[in-house]
Amino acid sequence: MAKDGKIMYKTIPEEPGVYQFFNKENIIIYVGKAKNLKKKSFIVLSKKHKVA
């Protein structure tokens, strides 16, 4: 993760909330919710995803 990514991760709250995924055209393709945004973002960002 880039230095900027580490700084951003530190600012994510450990609270409930929603998150969004965007495609290359900056259009929302998925909206999710989590009980702990920091934990969920770590799980999502640490996985290797296939790009369709």
PDB file of N, CA and C in Angstrom:
ATOM      1  N   MET A   1       0.855  -1.178   0.000  1.00  0.00           N
ATOM      2  CA  MET A   1       0.000   0.000   0.000  1.00  0.00           C
ATOM      3  C   MET A   1       0.897   1.236   0.000  1.00  0.00           C
ATOM      4  N   ALA A   2       0.562   2.191  -0.817  1.00  0.00           N
ATOM      5  CA  ALA A   2       1.335   3.421  -0.908  1.00  0.00           C
ATOM      6  C   ALA A   2       1.246   4.211   0.384  1.00  0.00           C
ATOM      7  N   LYS A   3       2.195   5.109   0.562  1.00  0.00           N
ATOM      8  CA  LYS A   3       2.219   5.936   1.770  1.00  0.00           C
ATOM      9  C   LYS A   3       0.893   6.665   1.970  1.00  0.00           C
ATOM     10  N   ASP A   4       0.335   7.234   0.891  1.00  0.00           N
ATOM     11  CA  ASP A   4      -0.952   7.928   0.984  1.00  0.00           C
ATOM     12  C   ASP A   4      -2.061   6.981   1.424  1.00  0.00           C
ATOM     13  N   GLY A   5      -2.010   5.732   0.962  1.00  0.00           N
ATOM     14  CA  GLY A   5      -2.997   4.738   1.359  1.00  0.00           C
ATOM     15  C   GLY A   5      -2.931   4.427   2.836  1.00  0.00           C
ATOM     16  N   LYS A   6      -1.719   4.381   3.384  1.00  0.00           N
ATOM     17  CA  LYS A   6      -1.562   4.121   4.815  1.00  0.00           C
ATOM     18  C   LYS A   6      -2.133   5.260   5.640  1.00  0.00           C
ATOM     19  N   ILE A   7      -1.923   6.473   5.185  1.00  0.00           N
ATOM     20  CA  ILE A   7      -2.474   7.636   5.884  1.00  0.00           C
ATOM     21  C   ILE A   7      -3.994   7.605   5.828  1.00  0.00           C
ATOM     22  N   MET A   8      -4.545   7.293   4.656  1.00  0.00           N
ATOM     23  CA  MET A   8      -6.003   7.215   4.516  1.00  0.00           C
ATOM     24  C   MET A   8      -6.575   6.128   5.420  1.00  0.00           C
ATOM     25  N   TYR A   9      -5.904   4.966   5.482  1.00  0.00           N
ATOM     26  CA  TYR A   9      -6.404   3.868   6.300  1.00  0.00           C
ATOM     27  C   TYR A   9      -6.475   4.278   7.764  1.00  0.00           C
ATOM     28  N   LYS A  10      -5.505   5.025   8.236  1.00  0.00           N
ATOM     29  CA  LYS A  10      -5.482   5.454   9.634  1.00  0.00           C
ATOM     30  C   LYS A  10      -6.647   6.379   9.969  1.00  0.00           C
ATOM     31  N   THR A  11      -7.204   7.035   8.956  1.00  0.00           N
ATOM     32  CA  THR A  11      -8.299   7.976   9.208  1.00  0.00           C
ATOM     33  C   THR A  11      -9.681   7.327   9.132  1.00  0.00           C
ATOM     34  N   ILE A  12      -9.765   6.059   8.732  1.00  0.00           N
ATOM     35  CA  ILE A  12     -11.055   5.371   8.643  1.00  0.00           C
ATOM     36  C   ILE A  12     -11.549   5.065  10.053  1.00  0.00           C
ATOM     37  N   PRO A  13     -12.776   5.431  10.379  1.00  0.00           N
ATOM     38  CA  PRO A  13     -13.294   5.194  11.733  1.00  0.00           C
ATOM     39  C   PRO A  13     -13.625   3.725  11.980  1.00  0.00           C
ATOM     40  N   GLU A  14     -13.554   3.321  13.227  1.00  0.00           N
ATOM     41  CA  GLU A  14     -13.956   1.973  13.636  1.00  0.00           C
ATOM     42  C   GLU A  14     -15.407   2.021  14.102  1.00  0.00           C
ATOM     43  N   GLU A  15     -16.253   2.518  13.226  1.00  0.00           N
ATOM     44  CA  GLU A  15     -17.676   2.696  13.518  1.00  0.00           C
ATOM     45  C   GLU A  15     -18.497   2.133  12.361  1.00  0.00           C
ATOM     46  N   PRO A  16     -19.798   1.943  12.576  1.00  0.00           N
ATOM     47  CA  PRO A  16     -20.662   1.487  11.480  1.00  0.00           C
ATOM     48  C   PRO A  16     -20.754   2.546  10.387  1.00  0.00           C
ATOM     49  N   GLY A  17     -20.975   2.078   9.164  1.00  0.00           N
ATOM     50  CA  GLY A  17     -21.136   3.022   8.063  1.00  0.00           C
ATOM     51  C   GLY A  17     -21.298   2.312   6.744  1.00  0.00           C
ATOM     52  N   VAL A  18     -21.295   3.079   5.677  1.00  0.00           N
ATOM     53  CA  VAL A  18     -21.431   2.537   4.325  1.00  0.00           C
ATOM     54  C   VAL A  18     -20.168   2.835   3.535  1.00  0.00           C
ATOM     55  N   TYR A  19     -19.931   2.011   2.502  1.00  0.00           N
ATOM     56  CA  TYR A  19     -18.791   2.215   1.626  1.00  0.00           C
ATOM     57  C   TYR A  19     -19.240   2.004   0.192  1.00  0.00           C
ATOM     58  N   GLN A  20     -18.476   2.547  -0.746  1.00  0.00           N
ATOM     59  CA  GLN A  20     -18.847   2.480  -2.160  1.00  0.00           C
ATOM     60  C   GLN A  20     -17.653   2.022  -2.984  1.00  0.00           C
ATOM     61  N   PHE A  21     -17.938   1.252  -4.037  1.00  0.00           N
ATOM     62  CA  PHE A  21     -16.929   0.891  -5.029  1.00  0.00           C
ATOM     63  C   PHE A  21     -17.271   1.618  -6.313  1.00  0.00           C
ATOM     64  N   PHE A  22     -16.243   2.153  -6.972  1.00  0.00           N
ATOM     65  CA  PHE A  22     -16.418   2.887  -8.218  1.00  0.00           C
ATOM     66  C   PHE A  22     -15.697   2.161  -9.350  1.00  0.00           C
ATOM     67  N   ASN A  23     -16.217   2.285 -10.573  1.00  0.00           N
ATOM     68  CA  ASN A  23     -15.521   1.716 -11.723  1.00  0.00           C
ATOM     69  C   ASN A  23     -14.561   2.765 -12.290  1.00  0.00           C
ATOM     70  N   LYS A  24     -13.940   2.449 -13.417  1.00  0.00           N
ATOM     71  CA  LYS A  24     -12.956   3.358 -14.021  1.00  0.00           C
ATOM     72  C   LYS A  24     -13.563   4.685 -14.444  1.00  0.00           C
ATOM     73  N   GLU A  25     -14.856   4.694 -14.722  1.00  0.00           N
ATOM     74  CA  GLU A  25     -15.542   5.920 -15.128  1.00  0.00           C
ATOM     75  C   GLU A  25     -16.072   6.701 -13.925  1.00  0.00           C
ATOM     76  N   ASN A  26     -15.687   6.280 -12.727  1.00  0.00           N
ATOM     77  CA  ASN A  26     -16.085   6.921 -11.467  1.00  0.00           C
ATOM     78  C   ASN A  26     -17.589   6.820 -11.213  1.00  0.00           C
ATOM     79  N   ILE A  27     -18.193   5.724 -11.678  1.00  0.00           N
ATOM     80  CA  ILE A  27     -19.614   5.441 -11.441  1.00  0.00           C
ATOM     81  C   ILE A  27     -19.702   4.409 -10.328  1.00  0.00           C
ATOM     82  N   ILE A  28     -20.601   4.632  -9.374  1.00  0.00           N
ATOM     83  CA  ILE A  28     -20.770   3.695  -8.262  1.00  0.00           C
ATOM     84  C   ILE A  28     -21.280   2.360  -8.800  1.00  0.00           C
ATOM     85  N   ILE A  29     -20.558   1.281  -8.473  1.00  0.00           N
ATOM     86  CA  ILE A  29     -20.971  -0.047  -8.925  1.00  0.00           C
ATOM     87  C   ILE A  29     -21.397  -0.935  -7.762  1.00  0.00           C
ATOM     88  N   TYR A  30     -21.115  -0.519  -6.529  1.00  0.00           N
ATOM     89  CA  TYR A  30     -21.504  -1.317  -5.365  1.00  0.00           C
ATOM     90  C   TYR A  30     -21.549  -0.423  -4.141  1.00  0.00           C
ATOM     91  N   VAL A  31     -22.563  -0.614  -3.322  1.00  0.00           N
ATOM     92  CA  VAL A  31     -22.676   0.072  -2.034  1.00  0.00           C
ATOM     93  C   VAL A  31     -22.847  -1.000  -0.976  1.00  0.00           C
ATOM     94  N   GLY A  32     -22.017  -0.945   0.055  1.00  0.00           N
ATOM     95  CA  GLY A  32     -22.097  -1.929   1.129  1.00  0.00           C
ATOM     96  C   GLY A  32     -22.172  -1.246   2.482  1.00  0.00           C
ATOM     97  N   LYS A  33     -22.435  -2.041   3.491  1.00  0.00           N
ATOM     98  CA  LYS A  33     -22.460  -1.500   4.845  1.00  0.00           C
ATOM     99  C   LYS A  33     -21.620  -2.394   5.736  1.00  0.00           C
ATOM    100  N   ALA A  34     -21.126  -1.814   6.822  1.00  0.00           N
ATOM    101  CA  ALA A  34     -20.271  -2.563   7.727  1.00  0.00           C
ATOM    102  C   ALA A  34     -20.483  -2.088   9.166  1.00  0.00           C
ATOM    103  N   LYS A  35     -20.332  -3.003  10.086  1.00  0.00           N
ATOM    104  CA  LYS A  35     -20.406  -2.646  11.503  1.00  0.00           C
ATOM    105  C   LYS A  35     -19.146  -1.917  11.951  1.00  0.00           C
ATOM    106  N   ASN A  36     -18.025  -2.222  11.293  1.00  0.00           N
ATOM    107  CA  ASN A  36     -16.743  -1.594  11.590  1.00  0.00           C
ATOM    108  C   ASN A  36     -16.069  -1.286  10.257  1.00  0.00           C
ATOM    109  N   LEU A  37     -16.082  -0.021   9.841  1.00  0.00           N
ATOM    110  CA  LEU A  37     -15.566   0.358   8.530  1.00  0.00           C
ATOM    111  C   LEU A  37     -14.077   0.053   8.376  1.00  0.00           C
ATOM    112  N   LYS A  38     -13.289   0.275   9.426  1.00  0.00           N
ATOM    113  CA  LYS A  38     -11.853   0.036   9.330  1.00  0.00           C
ATOM    114  C   LYS A  38     -11.572  -1.450   9.107  1.00  0.00           C
ATOM    115  N   LYS A  39     -12.254  -2.301   9.855  1.00  0.00           N
ATOM    116  CA  LYS A  39     -12.058  -3.750   9.716  1.00  0.00           C
ATOM    117  C   LYS A  39     -12.480  -4.205   8.326  1.00  0.00           C
ATOM    118  N   LYS A  40     -13.631  -3.738   7.852  1.00  0.00           N
ATOM    119  CA  LYS A  40     -14.132  -4.133   6.541  1.00  0.00           C
ATOM    120  C   LYS A  40     -13.199  -3.645   5.437  1.00  0.00           C
ATOM    121  N   SER A  41     -12.715  -2.431   5.542  1.00  0.00           N
ATOM    122  CA  SER A  41     -11.826  -1.908   4.501  1.00  0.00           C
ATOM    123  C   SER A  41     -10.526  -2.693   4.464  1.00  0.00           C
ATOM    124  N   PHE A  42     -10.021  -3.107   5.614  1.00  0.00           N
ATOM    125  CA  PHE A  42      -8.805  -3.923   5.635  1.00  0.00           C
ATOM    126  C   PHE A  42      -9.037  -5.258   4.936  1.00  0.00           C
ATOM    127  N   ILE A  43     -10.167  -5.878   5.203  1.00  0.00           N
ATOM    128  CA  ILE A  43     -10.492  -7.171   4.580  1.00  0.00           C
ATOM    129  C   ILE A  43     -10.608  -7.010   3.063  1.00  0.00           C
ATOM    130  N   VAL A  44     -11.334  -6.007   2.625  1.00  0.00           N
ATOM    131  CA  VAL A  44     -11.554  -5.797   1.195  1.00  0.00           C
ATOM    132  C   VAL A  44     -10.247  -5.427   0.490  1.00  0.00           C
ATOM    133  N   LEU A  45      -9.482  -4.524   1.057  1.00  0.00           N
ATOM    134  CA  LEU A  45      -8.268  -4.052   0.394  1.00  0.00           C
ATOM    135  C   LEU A  45      -7.126  -5.052   0.440  1.00  0.00           C
ATOM    136  N   SER A  46      -7.186  -6.007   1.357  1.00  0.00           N
ATOM    137  CA  SER A  46      -6.097  -6.974   1.446  1.00  0.00           C
ATOM    138  C   SER A  46      -6.313  -8.169   0.518  1.00  0.00           C
ATOM    139  N   LYS A  47      -7.514  -8.330  -0.041  1.00  0.00           N
ATOM    140  CA  LYS A  47      -7.813  -9.420  -0.966  1.00  0.00           C
ATOM    141  C   LYS A  47      -7.394  -9.048  -2.372  1.00  0.00           C
ATOM    142  N   LYS A  48      -7.022 -10.071  -3.149  1.00  0.00           N
ATOM    143  CA  LYS A  48      -6.739  -9.858  -4.564  1.00  0.00           C
ATOM    144  C   LYS A  48      -8.027 -10.131  -5.326  1.00  0.00           C
ATOM    145  N   HIS A  49      -8.523  -9.132  -6.034  1.00  0.00           N
ATOM    146  CA  HIS A  49      -9.785  -9.244  -6.757  1.00  0.00           C
ATOM    147  C   HIS A  49      -9.531  -9.355  -8.249  1.00  0.00           C
ATOM    148  N   LYS A  50     -10.394 -10.131  -8.913  1.00  0.00           N
ATOM    149  CA  LYS A  50     -10.361 -10.200 -10.367  1.00  0.00           C
ATOM    150  C   LYS A  50     -11.115  -8.984 -10.907  1.00  0.00           C
ATOM    151  N   VAL A  51     -10.555  -8.390 -11.931  1.00  0.00           N
ATOM    152  CA  VAL A  51     -11.214  -7.264 -12.574  1.00  0.00           C
ATOM    153  C   VAL A  51     -11.905  -7.775 -13.813  1.00  0.00           C
ATOM    154  N   ALA A  52     -13.225  -7.534 -13.893  1.00  0.00           N
ATOM    155  CA  ALA A  52     -14.004  -8.022 -15.042  1.00  0.00           C
ATOM    156  C   ALA A  52     -13.750  -7.204 -16.271  1.00  0.00           C
TER     157      ALA A  52
END
